[in-house]
Amino acid sequence: FSNQKKWVKGETVENANENLKKLLKDENIDVDFEKCINNKSIEDYILNNRIEAVKKYKLNSTPTIIINNEKFDKALNFKNLKKTIEKLI
């Protein structure tokens, strides 16, 4: 996420993809970018999971944290998250 501002920009998806490809190259990350973005089964899997999660958990923002199949509805900060997790362990 620290590099997100370098690639999450552009007027089109193509612009964003070009920025992401450049970042991968600049960071020496060896990945077949075209193969990844053109894999229809992965695209469908991600999209269907997203749709299912939106319906199931009534998602309305990112990030949303799900813990033990329940939406974390408190203010998203370390203190609240830590308290919630500590109660579970």
Protein backbone atom coordinates (compact mmCIF):
# COMPACT_ATOMS: atom_id res chain seq x y z
CA PHE A 1 0.00 0.00 0.00
CA SER A 2 2.92 2.34 0.53
CA ASN A 3 3.41 2.49 -3.25
CA GLN A 4 -0.27 2.78 -4.11
CA LYS A 5 -0.05 6.47 -5.02
CA LYS A 6 2.47 5.58 -7.73
CA TRP A 7 0.07 3.40 -9.71
CA VAL A 8 -3.52 4.08 -8.60
CA LYS A 9 -3.97 6.96 -10.95
CA GLY A 10 -4.99 7.52 -14.50
CA GLU A 11 -8.06 8.44 -16.44
CA THR A 12 -8.63 4.85 -17.55
CA VAL A 13 -8.01 1.29 -16.40
CA GLU A 14 -5.33 1.10 -19.09
CA ASN A 15 -3.51 4.09 -17.56
CA ALA A 16 -3.63 2.49 -14.10
CA ASN A 17 -2.38 -0.81 -15.53
CA GLU A 18 0.53 0.91 -17.25
CA ASN A 19 1.45 2.62 -13.97
CA LEU A 20 1.27 -0.70 -12.14
CA LYS A 21 3.44 -2.40 -14.78
CA LYS A 22 6.02 0.37 -14.38
CA LEU A 23 6.01 0.00 -10.61
CA LEU A 24 6.50 -3.78 -10.89
CA LYS A 25 9.42 -3.24 -13.26
CA ASP A 26 10.95 -0.51 -11.08
CA GLU A 27 10.68 -2.75 -8.00
CA ASN A 28 12.12 -5.77 -9.88
CA ILE A 29 9.00 -7.83 -9.24
CA ASP A 30 8.99 -10.70 -11.70
CA VAL A 31 5.38 -11.46 -12.62
CA ASP A 32 3.60 -12.13 -15.89
CA PHE A 33 1.34 -9.09 -15.65
CA GLU A 34 -0.62 -9.77 -18.83
CA LYS A 35 -1.31 -13.35 -17.78
CA CYS A 36 -2.58 -12.14 -14.41
CA ILE A 37 -4.93 -9.44 -15.70
CA ASN A 38 -6.24 -11.64 -18.51
CA ASN A 39 -7.08 -14.67 -16.34
CA LYS A 40 -10.88 -14.75 -16.57
CA SER A 41 -11.34 -17.47 -13.94
CA ILE A 42 -9.44 -15.42 -11.33
CA GLU A 43 -11.33 -12.29 -12.31
CA ASP A 44 -14.67 -14.09 -11.94
CA TYR A 45 -13.62 -15.61 -8.60
CA ILE A 46 -12.65 -12.21 -7.16
CA LEU A 47 -15.76 -10.49 -8.49
CA ASN A 48 -18.10 -13.20 -7.21
CA ASN A 49 -16.47 -13.15 -3.77
CA ARG A 50 -16.83 -9.39 -3.68
CA ILE A 51 -20.51 -9.54 -4.63
CA GLU A 52 -21.15 -12.26 -2.05
CA ALA A 53 -19.36 -10.32 0.70
CA VAL A 54 -21.25 -7.11 -0.09
CA LYS A 55 -24.54 -8.96 0.25
CA LYS A 56 -23.61 -11.07 3.28
CA TYR A 57 -21.90 -8.38 5.35
CA LYS A 58 -23.56 -5.26 3.91
CA LEU A 59 -20.15 -3.83 2.99
CA ASN A 60 -20.10 -0.13 2.20
CA SER A 61 -16.45 0.90 2.51
CA THR A 62 -12.90 -0.29 2.24
CA PRO A 63 -11.23 -1.58 4.23
CA THR A 64 -13.81 -3.65 6.03
CA ILE A 65 -12.66 -6.26 8.48
CA ILE A 66 -14.56 -9.51 9.03
CA ILE A 67 -13.75 -11.45 12.19
CA ASN A 68 -15.30 -14.87 12.77
CA ASN A 69 -17.91 -14.18 10.09
CA GLU A 70 -18.96 -10.88 11.67
CA LYS A 71 -18.36 -7.38 10.37
CA PHE A 72 -16.13 -5.28 12.62
CA ASP A 73 -18.38 -2.25 13.12
CA LYS A 74 -16.40 -0.20 15.61
CA ALA A 75 -14.17 2.70 14.63
CA LEU A 76 -11.29 1.15 12.73
CA ASN A 77 -8.26 1.82 14.89
CA PHE A 78 -5.65 -0.32 16.60
CA LYS A 79 -7.14 0.02 20.09
CA ASN A 80 -10.61 -1.18 19.06
CA LEU A 81 -9.26 -3.95 16.87
CA LYS A 82 -6.90 -5.14 19.59
CA LYS A 83 -9.70 -5.24 22.19
CA THR A 84 -11.93 -7.23 19.86
CA ILE A 85 -9.25 -9.77 19.03
CA GLU A 86 -8.12 -10.12 22.63
CA LYS A 87 -11.68 -11.03 23.65
CA LEU A 88 -11.54 -13.90 21.18
CA ILE A 89 -8.27 -15.42 22.33
